[in-house]
Amino acid sequence: LKAPGCSGASASAPSGLGPDESRPPCGATCTFDMSEEFRRRSRNAILVKDDVGRAKPSVYDLPPEEHPYGWSEPPDAEGAREIMHHWAKHVPRARPATGQDFRKLNKLAAQQGVVNSTGMSDFRRANDVKLAPSASASALPKIIPSDVIPSFVYGNRSRPSTPIAGVVGGRYAAEWEELLDLRYKKLADNRETPTGKHIVKMTKAARQQAHSAHADRLLKEADLPPPELFKLSKFKKVPSRLKLPSLQRAVSLPALSP
């Protein structure tokens, strides 16, 4: 393609074009615009341009689009279903092999009269004395309740489930309506009694006050001495020190001479 502004006799074209594209149709010197195809074929990260809304084309040799990247973990043989439905019991590992009891071997060698290292080596090869297993290794396994009772369940008992059927079906509302109707019916029956008396419900304080008044009336009718007031034992025998003047003569009356 020839750009406007050709003024020379020789043509200059960018590297990478074919022989037909490097020569302009005219004999003048022309300046060529770099085409998008040339930018794409150049595989130059600086020359390649991206389109609006699309990623920039890669200039590297990448695997095909269906190629997955990253590390692929091998699938686990036991999934959540197998773990929940099939409980794997604990298999104790084999006990480690015990070594030789060198302390006991040395005592036996001294009793046999072995006095040098060569004889000691021969004595150890001929006599194999193993260490006795520890008490913890030979202890009996612990028994848990589920070993004796297979249906034994651990943990705290949770509350019973909410009766959704009764809530959605309105069973509790119907029960409350029946109770309310029974109360109104009982109230109406009390109002329609032939005596026409109205029952007054007394409070706790009113009942206590009536009981106290009834007890006081019974005490007065029985003509019993009043109960002795509470007094500390050390003050029971102490006489009173307060003496009031006689009421026959007024205290404010002046003393008149005869």
Protein backbone atom coordinates (compact mmCIF):
# COMPACT_ATOMS: atom_id res chain seq x y z
CA LEU A 1 0.00 0.00 0.00
CA LYS A 2 1.24 3.50 -0.74
CA ALA A 3 0.78 6.19 1.85
CA PRO A 4 0.13 9.77 0.81
CA GLY A 5 3.37 11.77 0.56
CA CYS A 6 5.55 9.71 -1.83
CA SER A 7 8.54 11.88 -2.85
CA GLY A 8 11.57 9.66 -3.54
CA ALA A 9 12.84 7.38 -6.27
CA SER A 10 13.52 4.35 -4.09
CA ALA A 11 10.98 2.53 -1.93
CA SER A 12 11.58 1.73 1.71
CA ALA A 13 9.46 -0.99 3.39
CA PRO A 14 9.59 -2.47 6.85
CA SER A 15 11.35 -5.74 7.33
CA GLY A 16 9.20 -8.85 7.23
CA LEU A 17 7.15 -7.99 4.14
CA GLY A 18 7.15 -10.11 1.03
CA PRO A 19 8.96 -9.20 -2.15
CA ASP A 20 5.79 -7.91 -3.72
CA GLU A 21 4.92 -5.79 -0.72
CA SER A 22 8.42 -4.26 -0.45
CA ARG A 23 8.21 -2.58 -3.84
CA PRO A 24 5.66 0.18 -4.31
CA PRO A 25 3.78 0.36 -7.63
CA CYS A 26 5.30 3.74 -8.34
CA GLY A 27 9.00 4.67 -8.52
CA ALA A 28 8.74 7.27 -5.77
CA THR A 29 9.87 6.90 -2.18
CA CYS A 30 6.82 5.99 -0.02
CA THR A 31 6.23 5.59 3.71
CA PHE A 32 4.22 2.43 4.51
CA ASP A 33 1.75 2.17 7.45
CA MET A 34 2.29 -0.93 9.55
CA SER A 35 -0.72 -3.24 9.05
CA GLU A 36 -2.40 -5.26 11.82
CA GLU A 37 -1.46 -8.48 10.07
CA PHE A 38 2.19 -7.50 10.18
CA ARG A 39 1.93 -6.64 13.89
CA ARG A 40 0.38 -10.04 14.57
CA ARG A 41 3.00 -11.92 12.55
CA SER A 42 5.92 -9.98 14.05
CA ARG A 43 5.39 -11.70 17.49
CA ASN A 44 6.74 -8.60 19.15
CA ALA A 45 5.18 -7.82 22.53
CA ILE A 46 5.56 -4.09 21.92
CA LEU A 47 4.02 -4.05 18.44
CA VAL A 48 1.07 -6.37 19.11
CA LYS A 49 -2.07 -4.42 20.02
CA ASP A 50 -5.19 -5.58 21.80
CA ASP A 51 -8.77 -5.05 20.72
CA VAL A 52 -11.47 -3.43 22.81
CA GLY A 53 -12.99 -5.96 25.18
CA ARG A 54 -10.48 -8.67 24.33
CA ALA A 55 -7.21 -9.86 25.79
CA LYS A 56 -3.95 -9.02 24.14
CA PRO A 57 -2.78 -11.79 21.79
CA SER A 58 0.11 -13.82 23.15
CA VAL A 59 3.46 -13.76 21.38
CA TYR A 60 4.57 -17.06 22.93
CA ASP A 61 4.01 -20.64 21.87
CA LEU A 62 1.31 -21.74 24.34
CA PRO A 63 -0.50 -25.09 24.60
CA PRO A 64 -3.98 -25.38 23.08
CA GLU A 65 -6.97 -23.80 24.81
CA GLU A 66 -8.20 -27.08 26.34
CA HIS A 67 -4.87 -27.60 28.11
CA PRO A 68 -5.27 -27.33 31.94
CA TYR A 69 -2.64 -25.49 33.95
CA GLY A 70 -1.51 -26.26 37.48
CA TRP A 71 -0.98 -29.42 39.50
CA SER A 72 -3.59 -32.15 39.24
CA GLU A 73 -4.14 -33.88 42.57
CA PRO A 74 -4.85 -37.61 42.36
CA PRO A 75 -8.37 -38.49 43.60
CA ASP A 76 -8.66 -39.78 47.15
CA ALA A 77 -9.69 -43.39 47.51
CA GLU A 78 -11.99 -42.56 50.45
CA GLY A 79 -14.47 -39.74 50.04
CA ALA A 80 -16.99 -38.25 52.44
CA ARG A 81 -19.54 -40.97 51.61
CA GLU A 82 -17.17 -43.82 52.42
CA ILE A 83 -16.02 -42.19 55.66
CA MET A 84 -19.58 -41.57 56.90
CA HIS A 85 -21.00 -45.01 56.00
CA HIS A 86 -18.02 -47.22 56.73
CA TRP A 87 -16.16 -46.63 59.98
CA ALA A 88 -12.54 -47.74 59.79
CA LYS A 89 -11.55 -49.32 63.06
CA HIS A 90 -8.20 -48.63 64.55
CA VAL A 91 -5.60 -51.25 63.78
CA PRO A 92 -2.78 -51.17 66.32
CA ARG A 93 0.66 -51.26 64.86
CA ALA A 94 3.01 -54.15 65.50
CA ARG A 95 5.18 -53.95 68.52
CA PRO A 96 8.77 -53.02 67.75
CA ALA A 97 11.32 -55.75 68.12
CA THR A 98 13.16 -55.55 71.41
CA GLY A 99 16.92 -55.49 71.47
CA GLN A 100 19.38 -57.41 73.59
CA ASP A 101 19.62 -56.95 77.32
CA PHE A 102 23.32 -56.03 77.54
CA ARG A 103 23.21 -55.70 81.31
CA LYS A 104 22.05 -59.28 81.75
CA LEU A 105 24.47 -60.48 79.07
CA ASN A 106 27.39 -58.87 80.88
CA LYS A 107 26.39 -60.55 84.14
CA LEU A 108 26.12 -63.94 82.46
CA ALA A 109 29.46 -63.43 80.70
CA ALA A 110 31.14 -62.57 83.99
CA GLN A 111 29.69 -65.71 85.55
CA GLN A 112 31.05 -67.77 82.63
CA GLY A 113 34.52 -66.27 83.02
CA VAL A 114 34.64 -64.17 79.85
CA VAL A 115 37.33 -61.52 80.39
CA ASN A 116 38.23 -60.11 76.93
CA SER A 117 36.36 -58.42 74.09
CA THR A 118 36.76 -61.34 71.66
CA GLY A 119 35.17 -63.76 74.08
CA MET A 120 32.43 -61.22 74.83
CA SER A 121 31.56 -60.95 71.13
CA ASP A 122 31.41 -64.72 70.79
CA PHE A 123 29.28 -64.98 73.93
CA ARG A 124 26.76 -62.41 72.60
CA ARG A 125 26.47 -64.29 69.31
CA ALA A 126 25.85 -67.55 71.11
CA ASN A 127 23.42 -66.18 73.72
CA ASP A 128 20.52 -63.96 72.66
CA VAL A 129 18.86 -62.37 75.71
CA LYS A 130 16.03 -60.04 74.75
CA LEU A 131 14.76 -57.11 76.79
CA ALA A 132 11.56 -57.75 78.70
CA PRO A 133 8.58 -55.73 77.38
CA SER A 134 7.59 -52.74 79.46
CA ALA A 135 4.48 -52.75 81.63
CA SER A 136 2.69 -50.21 79.41
CA ALA A 137 3.05 -52.39 76.34
CA SER A 138 1.61 -55.44 78.12
CA ALA A 139 -1.29 -53.56 79.78
CA LEU A 140 -4.82 -54.59 78.95
CA PRO A 141 -6.66 -52.42 76.42
CA LYS A 142 -9.16 -49.93 77.79
CA ILE A 143 -12.83 -50.76 77.39
CA ILE A 144 -15.23 -47.99 76.39
CA PRO A 145 -19.05 -48.16 76.69
CA SER A 146 -19.60 -48.67 72.97
CA ASP A 147 -17.52 -51.85 73.10
CA VAL A 148 -19.99 -53.39 75.55
CA ILE A 149 -23.21 -51.72 74.27
CA PRO A 150 -23.03 -51.21 70.48
CA SER A 151 -26.03 -48.84 70.54
CA PHE A 152 -24.41 -46.54 73.13
CA VAL A 153 -24.42 -42.87 72.04
CA TYR A 154 -21.97 -40.24 73.29
CA GLY A 155 -22.70 -36.55 73.88
CA ASN A 156 -25.55 -34.53 75.36
CA ARG A 157 -29.13 -35.14 74.35
CA SER A 158 -30.43 -32.35 72.14
CA ARG A 159 -33.89 -30.84 72.43
CA PRO A 160 -36.73 -32.44 70.43
CA SER A 161 -37.38 -31.09 67.00
CA THR A 162 -39.91 -28.30 66.53
CA PRO A 163 -43.33 -29.64 65.45
CA ILE A 164 -43.47 -27.75 62.18
CA ALA A 165 -46.71 -29.50 61.19
CA GLY A 166 -48.51 -28.08 64.24
CA VAL A 167 -47.11 -24.59 63.64
CA VAL A 168 -48.00 -24.48 59.96
CA GLY A 169 -51.37 -26.16 60.47
CA GLY A 170 -52.42 -23.70 63.19
CA ARG A 171 -52.92 -26.34 65.89
CA TYR A 172 -51.62 -24.10 68.68
CA ALA A 173 -53.86 -21.22 67.59
CA ALA A 174 -56.89 -23.51 67.62
CA GLU A 175 -56.04 -24.75 71.13
CA TRP A 176 -55.74 -21.18 72.41
CA GLU A 177 -59.07 -20.21 70.83
CA GLU A 178 -60.79 -23.16 72.52
CA LEU A 179 -59.32 -22.21 75.89
CA LEU A 180 -60.39 -18.59 75.44
CA ASP A 181 -63.94 -19.65 74.51
CA LEU A 182 -64.07 -21.86 77.63
CA ARG A 183 -63.05 -18.92 79.84
CA TYR A 184 -65.69 -16.61 78.34
CA LYS A 185 -68.34 -19.31 78.72
CA LYS A 186 -67.42 -19.82 82.38
CA LEU A 187 -67.57 -16.07 82.99
CA ALA A 188 -71.00 -15.86 81.36
CA ASP A 189 -72.28 -18.75 83.51
CA ASN A 190 -71.12 -16.98 86.68
CA ARG A 191 -72.95 -13.81 85.70
CA GLU A 192 -76.20 -15.68 85.09
CA THR A 193 -76.35 -17.25 88.57
CA PRO A 194 -79.80 -16.91 90.30
CA THR A 195 -78.33 -15.30 93.44
CA GLY A 196 -76.86 -12.50 91.42
CA LYS A 197 -73.79 -12.28 93.63
CA HIS A 198 -70.62 -11.05 92.11
CA ILE A 199 -67.53 -12.99 93.17
CA VAL A 200 -64.71 -10.65 94.10
CA LYS A 201 -61.24 -12.09 93.74
CA MET A 202 -59.02 -11.05 96.62
CA THR A 203 -55.33 -10.40 96.30
CA LYS A 204 -52.69 -12.01 98.46
CA ALA A 205 -52.33 -8.90 100.64
CA ALA A 206 -56.11 -8.66 101.14
CA ARG A 207 -56.32 -12.30 102.18
CA GLN A 208 -53.48 -11.85 104.68
CA GLN A 209 -55.12 -8.76 106.16
CA ALA A 210 -58.46 -10.55 106.55
CA HIS A 211 -56.75 -13.51 108.21
CA SER A 212 -54.97 -11.21 110.69
CA ALA A 213 -58.21 -9.42 111.56
CA HIS A 214 -59.97 -12.73 112.12
CA ALA A 215 -57.17 -13.92 114.42
CA ASP A 216 -57.31 -10.69 116.46
CA ARG A 217 -61.08 -11.01 116.88
CA LEU A 218 -60.75 -14.58 118.12
CA LEU A 219 -58.08 -13.48 120.59
CA LYS A 220 -60.31 -10.78 122.02
CA GLU A 221 -63.26 -13.09 122.32
CA ALA A 222 -61.19 -15.67 124.20
CA ASP A 223 -60.21 -13.03 126.81
CA LEU A 224 -56.59 -14.14 126.86
CA PRO A 225 -53.77 -11.98 128.13
CA PRO A 226 -51.90 -10.17 125.42
CA PRO A 227 -48.71 -11.85 124.31
CA GLU A 228 -45.54 -10.66 125.98
CA LEU A 229 -43.47 -8.31 123.92
CA PHE A 230 -40.05 -9.42 122.90
CA LYS A 231 -37.27 -8.33 125.24
CA LEU A 232 -33.69 -9.41 125.65
CA SER A 233 -33.07 -11.69 128.61
CA LYS A 234 -30.54 -9.34 130.22
CA PHE A 235 -33.12 -6.51 130.28
CA LYS A 236 -36.05 -8.51 131.65
CA LYS A 237 -35.17 -7.86 135.32
CA VAL A 238 -34.09 -4.24 134.87
CA PRO A 239 -36.74 -1.84 136.31
CA SER A 240 -37.85 1.25 134.52
CA ARG A 241 -36.03 4.50 135.39
CA LEU A 242 -38.58 6.85 133.85
CA LYS A 243 -41.03 8.24 136.47
CA LEU A 244 -43.86 10.48 135.34
CA PRO A 245 -45.37 13.08 137.70
CA SER A 246 -48.79 12.55 139.22
CA LEU A 247 -51.73 13.52 137.05
CA GLN A 248 -53.74 14.92 140.05
CA ARG A 249 -52.11 18.34 139.78
CA ALA A 250 -51.04 20.01 136.60
CA VAL A 251 -47.37 20.49 136.10
CA SER A 252 -47.78 24.00 134.73
CA LEU A 253 -49.83 25.21 137.79
CA PRO A 254 -47.67 27.54 139.98
CA ALA A 255 -47.25 26.82 143.65
CA LEU A 256 -49.40 29.39 145.57
CA SER A 257 -48.85 30.18 149.20
CA PRO A 258 -51.91 29.88 151.58
